[in-house]
Amino acid sequence: MTTKDIPKTQKIVAVFWPSFLTAGLATILFFAAFDPQLLMQVSGYGHISRMGGYTVGFFLFWALTASTCTLTCYFQKPCHKPE
């Protein structure tokens, strides 16, 4: 079986599901140590609710982990066609 035989939906799920789980874990660990309201005040970006901070943080972690999963899938492809 080659990567061309794998359905596109399965490839998408293979990227977004593990990155979703990892982002959830990263959000829990990060915000167990840091308060989002305090981070926003210290950084000078203004006021944000805790729930807003958790939401933004989760989606940033999800984007980061999805990009690393995508790069992993990309680099699994061979550099040249086998003979």
PDB file of N, CA and C in Angstrom:
ATOM      1  N   MET A   1       0.838  -1.174   0.000  1.00  0.00           N
ATOM      2  CA  MET A   1       0.000   0.000   0.000  1.00  0.00           C
ATOM      3  C   MET A   1       0.886   1.241   0.000  1.00  0.00           C
ATOM      4  N   THR A   2       0.604   2.161  -0.869  1.00  0.00           N
ATOM      5  CA  THR A   2       1.358   3.408  -0.929  1.00  0.00           C
ATOM      6  C   THR A   2       0.523   4.522  -0.317  1.00  0.00           C
ATOM      7  N   THR A   3       1.138   5.691  -0.158  1.00  0.00           N
ATOM      8  CA  THR A   3       0.405   6.830   0.406  1.00  0.00           C
ATOM      9  C   THR A   3      -0.690   7.303  -0.534  1.00  0.00           C
ATOM     10  N   LYS A   4      -0.580   6.979  -1.833  1.00  0.00           N
ATOM     11  CA  LYS A   4      -1.636   7.350  -2.780  1.00  0.00           C
ATOM     12  C   LYS A   4      -2.901   6.537  -2.554  1.00  0.00           C
ATOM     13  N   ASP A   5      -2.766   5.349  -1.955  1.00  0.00           N
ATOM     14  CA  ASP A   5      -3.907   4.478  -1.698  1.00  0.00           C
ATOM     15  C   ASP A   5      -4.708   4.884  -0.466  1.00  0.00           C
ATOM     16  N   ILE A   6      -4.150   5.725   0.369  1.00  0.00           N
ATOM     17  CA  ILE A   6      -4.820   6.152   1.598  1.00  0.00           C
ATOM     18  C   ILE A   6      -5.825   7.262   1.256  1.00  0.00           C
ATOM     19  N   PRO A   7      -7.091   7.116   1.685  1.00  0.00           N
ATOM     20  CA  PRO A   7      -8.090   8.153   1.392  1.00  0.00           C
ATOM     21  C   PRO A   7      -7.714   9.490   2.028  1.00  0.00           C
ATOM     22  N   LYS A   8      -8.119  10.565   1.352  1.00  0.00           N
ATOM     23  CA  LYS A   8      -7.784  11.913   1.826  1.00  0.00           C
ATOM     24  C   LYS A   8      -8.367  12.182   3.218  1.00  0.00           C
ATOM     25  N   THR A   9      -9.574  11.687   3.462  1.00  0.00           N
ATOM     26  CA  THR A   9     -10.193  11.873   4.782  1.00  0.00           C
ATOM     27  C   THR A   9      -9.341  11.254   5.880  1.00  0.00           C
ATOM     28  N   GLN A  10      -8.792  10.081   5.618  1.00  0.00           N
ATOM     29  CA  GLN A  10      -7.946   9.420   6.608  1.00  0.00           C
ATOM     30  C   GLN A  10      -6.663  10.208   6.845  1.00  0.00           C
ATOM     31  N   LYS A  11      -6.120  10.807   5.808  1.00  0.00           N
ATOM     32  CA  LYS A  11      -4.918  11.631   5.971  1.00  0.00           C
ATOM     33  C   LYS A  11      -5.214  12.866   6.829  1.00  0.00           C
ATOM     34  N   ILE A  12      -6.366  13.481   6.587  1.00  0.00           N
ATOM     35  CA  ILE A  12      -6.745  14.676   7.358  1.00  0.00           C
ATOM     36  C   ILE A  12      -6.958  14.317   8.823  1.00  0.00           C
ATOM     37  N   VAL A  13      -7.661  13.215   9.059  1.00  0.00           N
ATOM     38  CA  VAL A  13      -7.897  12.768  10.442  1.00  0.00           C
ATOM     39  C   VAL A  13      -6.585  12.399  11.124  1.00  0.00           C
ATOM     40  N   ALA A  14      -5.658  11.824  10.362  1.00  0.00           N
ATOM     41  CA  ALA A  14      -4.356  11.443  10.925  1.00  0.00           C
ATOM     42  C   ALA A  14      -3.549  12.652  11.371  1.00  0.00           C
ATOM     43  N   VAL A  15      -3.861  13.823  10.838  1.00  0.00           N
ATOM     44  CA  VAL A  15      -3.182  15.056  11.252  1.00  0.00           C
ATOM     45  C   VAL A  15      -3.944  15.739  12.388  1.00  0.00           C
ATOM     46  N   PHE A  16      -5.246  15.926  12.212  1.00  0.00           N
ATOM     47  CA  PHE A  16      -5.997  16.759  13.148  1.00  0.00           C
ATOM     48  C   PHE A  16      -6.387  16.060  14.452  1.00  0.00           C
ATOM     49  N   TRP A  17      -6.609  14.754  14.451  1.00  0.00           N
ATOM     50  CA  TRP A  17      -6.993  14.086  15.697  1.00  0.00           C
ATOM     51  C   TRP A  17      -5.842  14.053  16.708  1.00  0.00           C
ATOM     52  N   PRO A  18      -4.635  13.583  16.339  1.00  0.00           N
ATOM     53  CA  PRO A  18      -3.550  13.611  17.327  1.00  0.00           C
ATOM     54  C   PRO A  18      -3.190  15.037  17.754  1.00  0.00           C
ATOM     55  N   SER A  19      -3.264  15.982  16.812  1.00  0.00           N
ATOM     56  CA  SER A  19      -2.931  17.362  17.183  1.00  0.00           C
ATOM     57  C   SER A  19      -3.986  17.946  18.115  1.00  0.00           C
ATOM     58  N   PHE A  20      -5.255  17.542  17.957  1.00  0.00           N
ATOM     59  CA  PHE A  20      -6.317  17.975  18.866  1.00  0.00           C
ATOM     60  C   PHE A  20      -6.054  17.461  20.277  1.00  0.00           C
ATOM     61  N   LEU A  21      -5.717  16.180  20.383  1.00  0.00           N
ATOM     62  CA  LEU A  21      -5.436  15.594  21.701  1.00  0.00           C
ATOM     63  C   LEU A  21      -4.211  16.237  22.349  1.00  0.00           C
ATOM     64  N   THR A  22      -3.173  16.457  21.559  1.00  0.00           N
ATOM     65  CA  THR A  22      -1.954  17.078  22.078  1.00  0.00           C
ATOM     66  C   THR A  22      -2.212  18.517  22.498  1.00  0.00           C
ATOM     67  N   ALA A  23      -3.018  19.236  21.717  1.00  0.00           N
ATOM     68  CA  ALA A  23      -3.349  20.622  22.070  1.00  0.00           C
ATOM     69  C   ALA A  23      -4.143  20.680  23.371  1.00  0.00           C
ATOM     70  N   GLY A  24      -5.039  19.728  23.561  1.00  0.00           N
ATOM     71  CA  GLY A  24      -5.787  19.676  24.818  1.00  0.00           C
ATOM     72  C   GLY A  24      -4.871  19.458  26.013  1.00  0.00           C
ATOM     73  N   LEU A  25      -3.950  18.531  25.880  1.00  0.00           N
ATOM     74  CA  LEU A  25      -2.995  18.264  26.953  1.00  0.00           C
ATOM     75  C   LEU A  25      -2.078  19.473  27.191  1.00  0.00           C
ATOM     76  N   ALA A  26      -1.601  20.086  26.111  1.00  0.00           N
ATOM     77  CA  ALA A  26      -0.729  21.258  26.251  1.00  0.00           C
ATOM     78  C   ALA A  26      -1.470  22.414  26.917  1.00  0.00           C
ATOM     79  N   THR A  27      -2.747  22.589  26.582  1.00  0.00           N
ATOM     80  CA  THR A  27      -3.550  23.652  27.196  1.00  0.00           C
ATOM     81  C   THR A  27      -3.694  23.419  28.696  1.00  0.00           C
ATOM     82  N   ILE A  28      -3.972  22.184  29.070  1.00  0.00           N
ATOM     83  CA  ILE A  28      -4.123  21.857  30.486  1.00  0.00           C
ATOM     84  C   ILE A  28      -2.823  22.124  31.242  1.00  0.00           C
ATOM     85  N   LEU A  29      -1.724  21.646  30.699  1.00  0.00           N
ATOM     86  CA  LEU A  29      -0.442  21.812  31.391  1.00  0.00           C
ATOM     87  C   LEU A  29      -0.002  23.274  31.440  1.00  0.00           C
ATOM     88  N   PHE A  30      -0.165  23.987  30.332  1.00  0.00           N
ATOM     89  CA  PHE A  30       0.270  25.384  30.285  1.00  0.00           C
ATOM     90  C   PHE A  30      -0.539  26.254  31.245  1.00  0.00           C
ATOM     91  N   PHE A  31      -1.875  26.107  31.188  1.00  0.00           N
ATOM     92  CA  PHE A  31      -2.709  26.977  32.015  1.00  0.00           C
ATOM     93  C   PHE A  31      -2.830  26.497  33.456  1.00  0.00           C
ATOM     94  N   ALA A  32      -2.287  25.338  33.771  1.00  0.00           N
ATOM     95  CA  ALA A  32      -2.164  24.949  35.172  1.00  0.00           C
ATOM     96  C   ALA A  32      -1.067  25.772  35.846  1.00  0.00           C
ATOM     97  N   ALA A  33      -0.121  26.262  35.026  1.00  0.00           N
ATOM     98  CA  ALA A  33       0.991  27.043  35.564  1.00  0.00           C
ATOM     99  C   ALA A  33       0.810  28.548  35.358  1.00  0.00           C
ATOM    100  N   PHE A  34       0.066  28.958  34.325  1.00  0.00           N
ATOM    101  CA  PHE A  34      -0.062  30.373  33.987  1.00  0.00           C
ATOM    102  C   PHE A  34      -1.525  30.787  33.902  1.00  0.00           C
ATOM    103  N   ASP A  35      -1.835  31.948  34.466  1.00  0.00           N
ATOM    104  CA  ASP A  35      -3.179  32.514  34.408  1.00  0.00           C
ATOM    105  C   ASP A  35      -3.300  33.359  33.136  1.00  0.00           C
ATOM    106  N   PRO A  36      -4.276  33.082  32.262  1.00  0.00           N
ATOM    107  CA  PRO A  36      -4.375  33.846  31.017  1.00  0.00           C
ATOM    108  C   PRO A  36      -4.640  35.332  31.239  1.00  0.00           C
ATOM    109  N   GLN A  37      -5.405  35.689  32.257  1.00  0.00           N
ATOM    110  CA  GLN A  37      -5.656  37.113  32.524  1.00  0.00           C
ATOM    111  C   GLN A  37      -4.366  37.820  32.924  1.00  0.00           C
ATOM    112  N   LEU A  38      -3.576  37.201  33.747  1.00  0.00           N
ATOM    113  CA  LEU A  38      -2.317  37.786  34.176  1.00  0.00           C
ATOM    114  C   LEU A  38      -1.342  37.898  32.995  1.00  0.00           C
ATOM    115  N   LEU A  39      -1.306  36.893  32.139  1.00  0.00           N
ATOM    116  CA  LEU A  39      -0.432  36.943  30.953  1.00  0.00           C
ATOM    117  C   LEU A  39      -0.793  38.119  30.056  1.00  0.00           C
ATOM    118  N   MET A  40      -2.085  38.356  29.869  1.00  0.00           N
ATOM    119  CA  MET A  40      -2.513  39.460  29.006  1.00  0.00           C
ATOM    120  C   MET A  40      -2.174  40.814  29.634  1.00  0.00           C
ATOM    121  N   GLN A  41      -2.318  40.937  30.940  1.00  0.00           N
ATOM    122  CA  GLN A  41      -2.000  42.193  31.612  1.00  0.00           C
ATOM    123  C   GLN A  41      -0.513  42.486  31.550  1.00  0.00           C
ATOM    124  N   VAL A  42       0.311  41.479  31.775  1.00  0.00           N
ATOM    125  CA  VAL A  42       1.760  41.646  31.757  1.00  0.00           C
ATOM    126  C   VAL A  42       2.250  41.967  30.350  1.00  0.00           C
ATOM    127  N   SER A  43       1.642  41.334  29.336  1.00  0.00           N
ATOM    128  CA  SER A  43       2.090  41.550  27.963  1.00  0.00           C
ATOM    129  C   SER A  43       1.628  42.883  27.402  1.00  0.00           C
ATOM    130  N   GLY A  44       0.625  43.508  28.017  1.00  0.00           N
ATOM    131  CA  GLY A  44       0.164  44.811  27.559  1.00  0.00           C
ATOM    132  C   GLY A  44      -0.864  44.760  26.440  1.00  0.00           C
ATOM    133  N   TYR A  45      -1.454  43.600  26.191  1.00  0.00           N
ATOM    134  CA  TYR A  45      -2.449  43.464  25.121  1.00  0.00           C
ATOM    135  C   TYR A  45      -3.855  43.797  25.576  1.00  0.00           C
ATOM    136  N   GLY A  46      -4.058  44.111  26.814  1.00  0.00           N
ATOM    137  CA  GLY A  46      -5.384  44.485  27.291  1.00  0.00           C
ATOM    138  C   GLY A  46      -6.040  43.386  28.103  1.00  0.00           C
ATOM    139  N   HIS A  47      -7.360  43.513  28.240  1.00  0.00           N
ATOM    140  CA  HIS A  47      -8.125  42.596  29.080  1.00  0.00           C
ATOM    141  C   HIS A  47      -8.728  41.478  28.240  1.00  0.00           C
ATOM    142  N   ILE A  48      -8.717  40.276  28.784  1.00  0.00           N
ATOM    143  CA  ILE A  48      -9.368  39.121  28.173  1.00  0.00           C
ATOM    144  C   ILE A  48      -9.883  38.240  29.304  1.00  0.00           C
ATOM    145  N   SER A  49     -11.018  37.614  29.078  1.00  0.00           N
ATOM    146  CA  SER A  49     -11.549  36.717  30.109  1.00  0.00           C
ATOM    147  C   SER A  49     -10.699  35.445  30.167  1.00  0.00           C
ATOM    148  N   ARG A  50     -10.819  34.753  31.267  1.00  0.00           N
ATOM    149  CA  ARG A  50     -10.065  33.494  31.390  1.00  0.00           C
ATOM    150  C   ARG A  50     -10.496  32.502  30.312  1.00  0.00           C
ATOM    151  N   MET A  51     -11.816  32.396  30.093  1.00  0.00           N
ATOM    152  CA  MET A  51     -12.311  31.463  29.082  1.00  0.00           C
ATOM    153  C   MET A  51     -11.802  31.850  27.697  1.00  0.00           C
ATOM    154  N   GLY A  52     -11.751  33.144  27.415  1.00  0.00           N
ATOM    155  CA  GLY A  52     -11.192  33.605  26.146  1.00  0.00           C
ATOM    156  C   GLY A  52      -9.719  33.247  26.018  1.00  0.00           C
ATOM    157  N   GLY A  53      -8.984  33.387  27.104  1.00  0.00           N
ATOM    158  CA  GLY A  53      -7.567  33.029  27.108  1.00  0.00           C
ATOM    159  C   GLY A  53      -7.352  31.541  26.888  1.00  0.00           C
ATOM    160  N   TYR A  54      -8.190  30.731  27.538  1.00  0.00           N
ATOM    161  CA  TYR A  54      -8.098  29.289  27.346  1.00  0.00           C
ATOM    162  C   TYR A  54      -8.412  28.918  25.896  1.00  0.00           C
ATOM    163  N   THR A  55      -9.419  29.574  25.325  1.00  0.00           N
ATOM    164  CA  THR A  55      -9.817  29.288  23.947  1.00  0.00           C
ATOM    165  C   THR A  55      -8.726  29.657  22.963  1.00  0.00           C
ATOM    166  N   VAL A  56      -8.189  30.866  23.101  1.00  0.00           N
ATOM    167  CA  VAL A  56      -7.112  31.312  22.208  1.00  0.00           C
ATOM    168  C   VAL A  56      -5.895  30.402  22.369  1.00  0.00           C
ATOM    169  N   GLY A  57      -5.555  30.088  23.605  1.00  0.00           N
ATOM    170  CA  GLY A  57      -4.421  29.207  23.861  1.00  0.00           C
ATOM    171  C   GLY A  57      -4.603  27.837  23.238  1.00  0.00           C
ATOM    172  N   PHE A  58      -5.807  27.270  23.385  1.00  0.00           N
ATOM    173  CA  PHE A  58      -6.066  25.948  22.805  1.00  0.00           C
ATOM    174  C   PHE A  58      -5.895  25.981  21.291  1.00  0.00           C
ATOM    175  N   PHE A  59      -6.469  26.979  20.626  1.00  0.00           N
ATOM    176  CA  PHE A  59      -6.374  27.029  19.169  1.00  0.00           C
ATOM    177  C   PHE A  59      -4.951  27.318  18.695  1.00  0.00           C
ATOM    178  N   LEU A  60      -4.191  28.074  19.463  1.00  0.00           N
ATOM    179  CA  LEU A  60      -2.781  28.271  19.108  1.00  0.00           C
ATOM    180  C   LEU A  60      -1.990  26.971  19.261  1.00  0.00           C
ATOM    181  N   PHE A  61      -2.232  26.249  20.349  1.00  0.00           N
ATOM    182  CA  PHE A  61      -1.571  24.952  20.521  1.00  0.00           C
ATOM    183  C   PHE A  61      -2.006  23.965  19.433  1.00  0.00           C
ATOM    184  N   TRP A  62      -3.284  24.013  19.050  1.00  0.00           N
ATOM    185  CA  TRP A  62      -3.781  23.111  18.018  1.00  0.00           C
ATOM    186  C   TRP A  62      -3.130  23.429  16.670  1.00  0.00           C
ATOM    187  N   ALA A  63      -3.014  24.719  16.351  1.00  0.00           N
ATOM    188  CA  ALA A  63      -2.363  25.111  15.096  1.00  0.00           C
ATOM    189  C   ALA A  63      -0.895  24.672  15.087  1.00  0.00           C
ATOM    190  N   LEU A  64      -0.222  24.848  16.207  1.00  0.00           N
ATOM    191  CA  LEU A  64       1.181  24.459  16.289  1.00  0.00           C
ATOM    192  C   LEU A  64       1.356  22.948  16.124  1.00  0.00           C
ATOM    193  N   THR A  65       0.558  22.176  16.839  1.00  0.00           N
ATOM    194  CA  THR A  65       0.706  20.724  16.756  1.00  0.00           C
ATOM    195  C   THR A  65       0.202  20.182  15.425  1.00  0.00           C
ATOM    196  N   ALA A  66      -0.808  20.807  14.821  1.00  0.00           N
ATOM    197  CA  ALA A  66      -1.271  20.380  13.492  1.00  0.00           C
ATOM    198  C   ALA A  66      -0.193  20.634  12.446  1.00  0.00           C
ATOM    199  N   SER A  67       0.512  21.746  12.579  1.00  0.00           N
ATOM    200  CA  SER A  67       1.586  22.025  11.615  1.00  0.00           C
ATOM    201  C   SER A  67       2.730  21.025  11.769  1.00  0.00           C
ATOM    202  N   THR A  68       3.041  20.628  12.973  1.00  0.00           N
ATOM    203  CA  THR A  68       4.107  19.637  13.143  1.00  0.00           C
ATOM    204  C   THR A  68       3.663  18.262  12.632  1.00  0.00           C
ATOM    205  N   CYS A  69       2.399  17.897  12.835  1.00  0.00           N
ATOM    206  CA  CYS A  69       1.892  16.636  12.289  1.00  0.00           C
ATOM    207  C   CYS A  69       1.894  16.665  10.762  1.00  0.00           C
ATOM    208  N   THR A  70       1.537  17.802  10.189  1.00  0.00           N
ATOM    209  CA  THR A  70       1.533  17.939   8.732  1.00  0.00           C
ATOM    210  C   THR A  70       2.947  17.808   8.182  1.00  0.00           C
ATOM    211  N   LEU A  71       3.904  18.434   8.841  1.00  0.00           N
ATOM    212  CA  LEU A  71       5.297  18.311   8.403  1.00  0.00           C
ATOM    213  C   LEU A  71       5.789  16.869   8.514  1.00  0.00           C
ATOM    214  N   THR A  72       5.381  16.175   9.546  1.00  0.00           N
ATOM    215  CA  THR A  72       5.762  14.776   9.688  1.00  0.00           C
ATOM    216  C   THR A  72       5.220  13.948   8.527  1.00  0.00           C
ATOM    217  N   CYS A  73       3.959  14.169   8.172  1.00  0.00           N
ATOM    218  CA  CYS A  73       3.374  13.448   7.034  1.00  0.00           C
ATOM    219  C   CYS A  73       4.084  13.811   5.736  1.00  0.00           C
ATOM    220  N   TYR A  74       4.418  15.075   5.579  1.00  0.00           N
ATOM    221  CA  TYR A  74       5.105  15.519   4.364  1.00  0.00           C
ATOM    222  C   TYR A  74       6.484  14.866   4.240  1.00  0.00           C
ATOM    223  N   PHE A  75       7.223  14.823   5.314  1.00  0.00           N
ATOM    224  CA  PHE A  75       8.585  14.283   5.264  1.00  0.00           C
ATOM    225  C   PHE A  75       8.636  12.759   5.225  1.00  0.00           C
ATOM    226  N   GLN A  76       7.484  12.096   5.341  1.00  0.00           N
ATOM    227  CA  GLN A  76       7.456  10.646   5.185  1.00  0.00           C
ATOM    228  C   GLN A  76       7.491  10.235   3.717  1.00  0.00           C
ATOM    229  N   LYS A  77       7.211  11.181   2.829  1.00  0.00           N
ATOM    230  CA  LYS A  77       7.234  10.880   1.393  1.00  0.00           C
ATOM    231  C   LYS A  77       8.674  10.672   0.945  1.00  0.00           C
ATOM    232  N   PRO A  78       8.884   9.750   0.017  1.00  0.00           N
ATOM    233  CA  PRO A  78      10.250   9.567  -0.486  1.00  0.00           C
ATOM    234  C   PRO A  78      10.689  10.764  -1.323  1.00  0.00           C
ATOM    235  N   CYS A  79      11.991  11.036  -1.304  1.00  0.00           N
ATOM    236  CA  CYS A  79      12.526  12.174  -2.055  1.00  0.00           C
ATOM    237  C   CYS A  79      12.515  11.917  -3.558  1.00  0.00           C
ATOM    238  N   HIS A  80      12.617  10.672  -3.943  1.00  0.00           N
ATOM    239  CA  HIS A  80      12.596  10.309  -5.346  1.00  0.00           C
ATOM    240  C   HIS A  80      11.762   9.034  -5.517  1.00  0.00           C
ATOM    241  N   LYS A  81      11.333   8.804  -6.726  1.00  0.00           N
ATOM    242  CA  LYS A  81      10.515   7.619  -6.979  1.00  0.00           C
ATOM    243  C   LYS A  81      11.399   6.376  -6.996  1.00  0.00           C
ATOM    244  N   PRO A  82      10.983   5.344  -6.297  1.00  0.00           N
ATOM    245  CA  PRO A  82      11.769   4.112  -6.308  1.00  0.00           C
ATOM    246  C   PRO A  82      11.746   3.476  -7.703  1.00  0.00           C
ATOM    247  N   GLU A  83      12.822   2.849  -8.031  1.00  0.00           N
ATOM    248  CA  GLU A  83      12.921   2.223  -9.368  1.00  0.00           C
ATOM    249  C   GLU A  83      12.375   0.823  -9.369  1.00  0.00           C
TER     250      GLU A  83
END
